[in-house]
C-alpha atoms as a PDB file:
ATOM      1  CA  MET A   1     127.492  78.081  84.382  1.00  0.00           C
ATOM      2  CA  ALA A   2     124.228  76.901  83.025  1.00  0.00           C
ATOM      3  CA  GLY A   3     122.839  74.663  80.354  1.00  0.00           C
ATOM      4  CA  ARG A   4     121.571  71.196  79.623  1.00  0.00           C
ATOM      5  CA  THR A   5     124.160  69.718  77.253  1.00  0.00           C
ATOM      6  CA  SER A   6     127.139  67.964  78.794  1.00  0.00           C
ATOM      7  CA  GLY A   7     130.397  67.198  77.059  1.00  0.00           C
ATOM      8  CA  TYR A   8     133.883  68.570  76.650  1.00  0.00           C
ATOM      9  CA  LYS A   9     134.321  71.705  74.608  1.00  0.00           C
ATOM     10  CA  ASP A  10     136.456  74.754  75.230  1.00  0.00           C
ATOM     11  CA  GLY A  11     134.867  78.023  74.259  1.00  0.00           C
ATOM     12  CA  THR A  12     133.480  81.286  75.483  1.00  0.00           C
ATOM     13  CA  GLY A  13     130.174  81.720  77.236  1.00  0.00           C
ATOM     14  CA  THR A  14     127.577  79.162  76.267  1.00  0.00           C
ATOM     15  CA  ASP A  15     129.937  77.511  73.748  1.00  0.00           C
ATOM     16  CA  ALA A  16     131.869  75.769  76.553  1.00  0.00           C
ATOM     17  CA  GLN A  17     130.700  72.394  77.868  1.00  0.00           C
ATOM     18  CA  PHE A  18     131.401  70.501  81.082  1.00  0.00           C
ATOM     19  CA  LYS A  19     130.642  66.918  82.066  1.00  0.00           C
ATOM     20  CA  ASN A  20     129.808  66.579  85.758  1.00  0.00           C
ATOM     21  CA  PRO A  21     131.373  69.736  87.214  1.00  0.00           C
ATOM     22  CA  ASP A  22     131.987  68.878  90.848  1.00  0.00           C
ATOM     23  CA  GLY A  23     133.979  71.621  92.548  1.00  0.00           C
ATOM     24  CA  VAL A  24     134.695  75.319  92.142  1.00  0.00           C
ATOM     25  CA  ALA A  25     137.486  77.529  93.477  1.00  0.00           C
ATOM     26  CA  VAL A  26     138.269  81.212  92.940  1.00  0.00           C
ATOM     27  CA  ASP A  27     141.734  82.718  93.352  1.00  0.00           C
ATOM     28  CA  SER A  28     142.607  86.233  94.547  1.00  0.00           C
ATOM     29  CA  SER A  29     142.544  87.650  90.999  1.00  0.00           C
ATOM     30  CA  GLY A  30     139.014  86.346  90.363  1.00  0.00           C
ATOM     31  CA  THR A  31     139.987  83.423  88.125  1.00  0.00           C
ATOM     32  CA  VAL A  32     137.557  80.524  88.531  1.00  0.00           C
ATOM     33  CA  TYR A  33     138.683  76.877  88.505  1.00  0.00           C
ATOM     34  CA  VAL A  34     136.156  74.092  87.960  1.00  0.00           C
ATOM     35  CA  ALA A  35     136.750  70.386  88.604  1.00  0.00           C
ATOM     36  CA  ASP A  36     135.273  68.835  85.451  1.00  0.00           C
ATOM     37  CA  THR A  37     135.107  65.352  86.939  1.00  0.00           C
ATOM     38  CA  LEU A  38     134.049  63.066  84.090  1.00  0.00           C
ATOM     39  CA  ASN A  39     136.415  64.815  81.659  1.00  0.00           C
ATOM     40  CA  HIS A  40     139.286  64.460  84.159  1.00  0.00           C
ATOM     41  CA  ARG A  41     140.164  68.154  83.838  1.00  0.00           C
ATOM     42  CA  ILE A  42     140.566  71.279  85.897  1.00  0.00           C
ATOM     43  CA  ARG A  43     138.988  74.004  83.780  1.00  0.00           C
ATOM     44  CA  LYS A  44     140.123  77.627  84.141  1.00  0.00           C
ATOM     45  CA  ILE A  45     137.697  80.495  83.556  1.00  0.00           C
ATOM     46  CA  GLU A  46     139.123  83.995  83.278  1.00  0.00           C
ATOM     47  CA  TYR A  47     136.915  87.053  83.189  1.00  0.00           C
ATOM     48  CA  LYS A  48     138.267  89.893  81.112  1.00  0.00           C
ATOM     49  CA  VAL A  49     137.150  93.433  81.816  1.00  0.00           C
ATOM     50  CA  PRO A  50     136.885  95.575  78.672  1.00  0.00           C
END
């Protein structure tokens, strides 16, 4: 995750936006969960292998 614009927007790669991400967890399958604090959401990031 990187960037300078905060907000709430689902999307892939740099199209997605977070507002004050505060915690990260990874499960056994490699799925990443981010606590998007100011949006009151748990965001799920799945990596797909081609």
